[in-house]
C-alpha atoms as a PDB file:
ATOM      1  CA  MET A   1     -47.807  60.048 -50.564  1.00  0.00           C
ATOM      2  CA  GLY A   2     -50.553  57.469 -50.964  1.00  0.00           C
ATOM      3  CA  THR A   3     -51.392  54.198 -49.305  1.00  0.00           C
ATOM      4  CA  GLN A   4     -49.168  51.147 -49.709  1.00  0.00           C
ATOM      5  CA  GLU A   5     -51.735  49.734 -52.148  1.00  0.00           C
ATOM      6  CA  GLU A   6     -51.547  52.885 -54.282  1.00  0.00           C
ATOM      7  CA  ILE A   7     -47.757  52.795 -54.224  1.00  0.00           C
ATOM      8  CA  ASP A   8     -47.734  49.095 -55.195  1.00  0.00           C
ATOM      9  CA  TYR A   9     -50.177  49.741 -58.037  1.00  0.00           C
ATOM     10  CA  PHE A  10     -48.097  52.677 -59.244  1.00  0.00           C
ATOM     11  CA  SER A  11     -44.845  50.730 -59.191  1.00  0.00           C
ATOM     12  CA  LYS A  12     -46.379  47.769 -61.051  1.00  0.00           C
ATOM     13  CA  SER A  13     -48.061  49.884 -63.707  1.00  0.00           C
ATOM     14  CA  PHE A  14     -45.357  52.504 -64.169  1.00  0.00           C
ATOM     15  CA  ASN A  15     -43.034  52.077 -67.143  1.00  0.00           C
ATOM     16  CA  PHE A  16     -39.700  52.653 -65.463  1.00  0.00           C
ATOM     17  CA  SER A  17     -36.961  52.695 -68.082  1.00  0.00           C
ATOM     18  CA  THR A  18     -33.282  52.560 -67.242  1.00  0.00           C
ATOM     19  CA  LYS A  19     -30.056  52.489 -69.191  1.00  0.00           C
ATOM     20  CA  PRO A  20     -26.731  51.025 -68.113  1.00  0.00           C
ATOM     21  CA  TRP A  21     -23.972  53.452 -67.176  1.00  0.00           C
ATOM     22  CA  GLU A  22     -20.470  52.903 -65.859  1.00  0.00           C
ATOM     23  CA  MET A  23     -18.725  55.287 -63.519  1.00  0.00           C
ATOM     24  CA  TYR A  24     -16.155  55.247 -60.774  1.00  0.00           C
ATOM     25  CA  VAL A  25     -17.936  54.907 -57.451  1.00  0.00           C
ATOM     26  CA  HIS A  26     -16.538  56.223 -54.187  1.00  0.00           C
ATOM     27  CA  SER A  27     -17.937  56.643 -50.702  1.00  0.00           C
ATOM     28  CA  HIS A  28     -16.963  58.994 -47.923  1.00  0.00           C
ATOM     29  CA  ASP A  29     -14.688  56.350 -46.431  1.00  0.00           C
ATOM     30  CA  ARG A  30     -13.695  54.122 -49.375  1.00  0.00           C
ATOM     31  CA  GLY A  31     -12.284  54.927 -52.782  1.00  0.00           C
ATOM     32  CA  ASN A  32     -10.377  58.158 -52.068  1.00  0.00           C
ATOM     33  CA  PHE A  33     -13.336  60.519 -52.559  1.00  0.00           C
ATOM     34  CA  LYS A  34     -11.431  63.257 -50.745  1.00  0.00           C
ATOM     35  CA  ASP A  35      -8.610  63.108 -53.321  1.00  0.00           C
ATOM     36  CA  LEU A  36     -10.796  63.746 -56.408  1.00  0.00           C
ATOM     37  CA  LYS A  37     -10.001  67.013 -58.182  1.00  0.00           C
ATOM     38  CA  ASN A  38     -11.315  68.660 -61.375  1.00  0.00           C
ATOM     39  CA  GLN A  39     -14.025  66.012 -61.757  1.00  0.00           C
ATOM     40  CA  ASN A  40     -17.743  65.913 -62.492  1.00  0.00           C
ATOM     41  CA  ILE A  41     -19.217  64.040 -59.537  1.00  0.00           C
ATOM     42  CA  LEU A  42     -22.647  62.561 -58.961  1.00  0.00           C
ATOM     43  CA  ILE A  43     -23.680  62.437 -55.319  1.00  0.00           C
ATOM     44  CA  TYR A  44     -26.231  59.723 -54.725  1.00  0.00           C
ATOM     45  CA  TRP A  45     -27.665  60.625 -51.328  1.00  0.00           C
ATOM     46  CA  PRO A  46     -30.444  58.172 -50.409  1.00  0.00           C
ATOM     47  CA  HIS A  47     -31.121  59.859 -47.082  1.00  0.00           C
ATOM     48  CA  GLY A  48     -34.060  61.748 -45.679  1.00  0.00           C
ATOM     49  CA  PHE A  49     -34.956  65.392 -45.263  1.00  0.00           C
ATOM     50  CA  GLY A  50     -32.837  66.028 -42.155  1.00  0.00           C
ATOM     51  CA  ASP A  51     -29.749  64.478 -43.714  1.00  0.00           C
ATOM     52  CA  GLN A  52     -30.268  66.621 -46.820  1.00  0.00           C
ATOM     53  CA  ILE A  53     -30.288  69.708 -44.596  1.00  0.00           C
ATOM     54  CA  PHE A  54     -27.092  68.550 -42.876  1.00  0.00           C
ATOM     55  CA  LEU A  55     -25.443  67.897 -46.238  1.00  0.00           C
ATOM     56  CA  SER A  56     -26.155  71.493 -47.277  1.00  0.00           C
ATOM     57  CA  TYR A  57     -23.870  72.633 -44.442  1.00  0.00           C
ATOM     58  CA  VAL A  58     -21.099  70.217 -45.428  1.00  0.00           C
ATOM     59  CA  LEU A  59     -21.125  70.841 -49.213  1.00  0.00           C
ATOM     60  CA  PRO A  60     -19.094  74.090 -49.001  1.00  0.00           C
ATOM     61  CA  LEU A  61     -16.253  72.009 -47.526  1.00  0.00           C
ATOM     62  CA  PHE A  62     -16.051  69.722 -50.578  1.00  0.00           C
ATOM     63  CA  GLU A  63     -13.204  70.132 -53.084  1.00  0.00           C
ATOM     64  CA  GLN A  64     -13.973  73.349 -54.974  1.00  0.00           C
ATOM     65  CA  SER A  65     -12.384  72.266 -58.283  1.00  0.00           C
ATOM     66  CA  ASN A  66     -15.076  69.582 -58.732  1.00  0.00           C
ATOM     67  CA  THR A  67     -18.584  70.066 -60.094  1.00  0.00           C
ATOM     68  CA  TYR A  68     -21.195  68.197 -58.063  1.00  0.00           C
ATOM     69  CA  TRP A  69     -24.676  66.916 -58.946  1.00  0.00           C
ATOM     70  CA  ILE A  70     -27.045  65.306 -56.435  1.00  0.00           C
ATOM     71  CA  THR A  71     -29.890  62.833 -56.887  1.00  0.00           C
ATOM     72  CA  ARG A  72     -31.932  60.191 -55.100  1.00  0.00           C
ATOM     73  CA  PHE A  73     -35.211  58.378 -55.545  1.00  0.00           C
ATOM     74  CA  GLY A  74     -37.678  60.924 -54.196  1.00  0.00           C
ATOM     75  CA  ASP A  75     -37.192  64.295 -55.870  1.00  0.00           C
ATOM     76  CA  ASP A  76     -38.925  66.082 -53.015  1.00  0.00           C
ATOM     77  CA  ASN A  77     -35.756  65.731 -50.912  1.00  0.00           C
ATOM     78  CA  VAL A  78     -33.248  66.974 -53.495  1.00  0.00           C
ATOM     79  CA  TYR A  79     -35.329  70.129 -54.024  1.00  0.00           C
ATOM     80  CA  ILE A  80     -33.676  71.365 -50.826  1.00  0.00           C
ATOM     81  CA  HIS A  81     -30.534  71.998 -52.882  1.00  0.00           C
ATOM     82  CA  ASP A  82     -32.206  73.961 -55.707  1.00  0.00           C
ATOM     83  CA  GLY A  83     -30.289  77.198 -56.192  1.00  0.00           C
ATOM     84  CA  SER A  84     -27.229  75.993 -54.292  1.00  0.00           C
ATOM     85  CA  LYS A  85     -23.911  77.261 -55.582  1.00  0.00           C
ATOM     86  CA  HIS A  86     -22.273  74.029 -54.366  1.00  0.00           C
ATOM     87  CA  VAL A  87     -24.354  71.334 -56.064  1.00  0.00           C
ATOM     88  CA  LYS A  88     -26.758  70.946 -58.987  1.00  0.00           C
ATOM     89  CA  THR A  89     -29.928  68.935 -58.462  1.00  0.00           C
ATOM     90  CA  ILE A  90     -30.974  66.131 -60.776  1.00  0.00           C
ATOM     91  CA  LYS A  91     -34.629  65.245 -60.598  1.00  0.00           C
ATOM     92  CA  THR A  92     -35.578  61.837 -61.891  1.00  0.00           C
ATOM     93  CA  GLY A  93     -39.320  62.511 -61.945  1.00  0.00           C
ATOM     94  CA  TYR A  94     -40.076  59.981 -59.206  1.00  0.00           C
ATOM     95  CA  ASN A  95     -41.212  61.976 -56.191  1.00  0.00           C
ATOM     96  CA  SER A  96     -42.084  59.207 -53.761  1.00  0.00           C
ATOM     97  CA  THR A  97     -39.367  58.135 -51.373  1.00  0.00           C
ATOM     98  CA  HIS A  98     -41.531  55.080 -50.608  1.00  0.00           C
ATOM     99  CA  CYS A  99     -40.019  52.867 -53.278  1.00  0.00           C
ATOM    100  CA  SER A 100     -37.275  51.079 -51.331  1.00  0.00           C
ATOM    101  CA  ASP A 101     -34.577  53.329 -52.851  1.00  0.00           C
ATOM    102  CA  GLY A 102     -35.628  52.249 -56.342  1.00  0.00           C
ATOM    103  CA  GLY A 103     -36.175  48.606 -55.391  1.00  0.00           C
ATOM    104  CA  LYS A 104     -39.830  48.755 -56.407  1.00  0.00           C
ATOM    105  CA  TYR A 105     -38.620  49.636 -59.922  1.00  0.00           C
ATOM    106  CA  GLY A 106     -36.048  46.843 -60.062  1.00  0.00           C
ATOM    107  CA  CYS A 107     -32.925  48.970 -59.581  1.00  0.00           C
ATOM    108  CA  ARG A 108     -32.398  49.496 -55.881  1.00  0.00           C
ATOM    109  CA  HIS A 109     -29.646  52.065 -55.288  1.00  0.00           C
ATOM    110  CA  TYR A 110     -29.195  52.142 -59.087  1.00  0.00           C
ATOM    111  CA  GLY A 111     -27.795  48.621 -58.863  1.00  0.00           C
ATOM    112  CA  LEU A 112     -25.006  49.486 -56.417  1.00  0.00           C
ATOM    113  CA  GLU A 113     -24.098  47.332 -53.443  1.00  0.00           C
ATOM    114  CA  ASN A 114     -22.622  49.431 -50.634  1.00  0.00           C
ATOM    115  CA  VAL A 115     -20.072  46.785 -49.646  1.00  0.00           C
ATOM    116  CA  SER A 116     -18.547  46.815 -53.154  1.00  0.00           C
ATOM    117  CA  ILE A 117     -17.905  50.572 -53.283  1.00  0.00           C
ATOM    118  CA  ASN A 118     -14.158  51.064 -53.422  1.00  0.00           C
ATOM    119  CA  GLY A 119     -13.388  53.675 -56.084  1.00  0.00           C
ATOM    120  CA  SER A 120     -13.488  51.233 -58.980  1.00  0.00           C
ATOM    121  CA  LEU A 121     -15.563  51.338 -62.155  1.00  0.00           C
ATOM    122  CA  LYS A 122     -19.103  50.072 -61.477  1.00  0.00           C
ATOM    123  CA  LYS A 123     -22.018  49.339 -63.777  1.00  0.00           C
ATOM    124  CA  MET A 124     -25.221  51.057 -62.711  1.00  0.00           C
ATOM    125  CA  GLU A 125     -28.813  51.138 -63.992  1.00  0.00           C
ATOM    126  CA  LEU A 126     -29.920  54.767 -64.230  1.00  0.00           C
ATOM    127  CA  PRO A 127     -33.323  56.258 -65.027  1.00  0.00           C
ATOM    128  CA  ILE A 128     -33.223  57.789 -68.509  1.00  0.00           C
ATOM    129  CA  SER A 129     -33.295  61.378 -67.179  1.00  0.00           C
ATOM    130  CA  LEU A 130     -30.292  60.721 -64.942  1.00  0.00           C
ATOM    131  CA  TRP A 131     -28.460  58.738 -67.636  1.00  0.00           C
ATOM    132  CA  GLU A 132     -28.779  61.660 -70.084  1.00  0.00           C
ATOM    133  CA  ILE A 133     -27.324  64.151 -67.603  1.00  0.00           C
ATOM    134  CA  CYS A 134     -24.430  61.820 -66.775  1.00  0.00           C
ATOM    135  CA  LYS A 135     -23.710  61.280 -70.468  1.00  0.00           C
ATOM    136  CA  ASN A 136     -23.982  64.962 -71.412  1.00  0.00           C
ATOM    137  CA  ASN A 137     -21.798  66.110 -68.520  1.00  0.00           C
ATOM    138  CA  ASN A 138     -19.221  63.305 -68.581  1.00  0.00           C
ATOM    139  CA  ILE A 139     -20.029  62.194 -65.055  1.00  0.00           C
END
């Protein structure tokens, strides 16, 4: 994981490229997530290891007509879902979860503010690897 000094050096010297992307953003309690059907859905799950394990038990209950992808800053946590028949993992190439959910790269939570999530179209800043998957899969 590295010391805080190593993490700070990495984040300052790392060329972190993003591209803007717009998508409809829902949460579990705002924006009618439960009503989505026949959609390609990105799950941004900025939670730790235990919450990832819990999510693996809940995923089979999600709407089966949708296709789900999952990501977060810190690829080591999304690896839990590799091979799942309920969700596809998207690795951004940034393994450390010690980056303030992307804040050290200038795009905390991909530019989303939790209080503004309501099912509407939102502009996000996505790492290139994530942007390409969203574009290619019409997410």
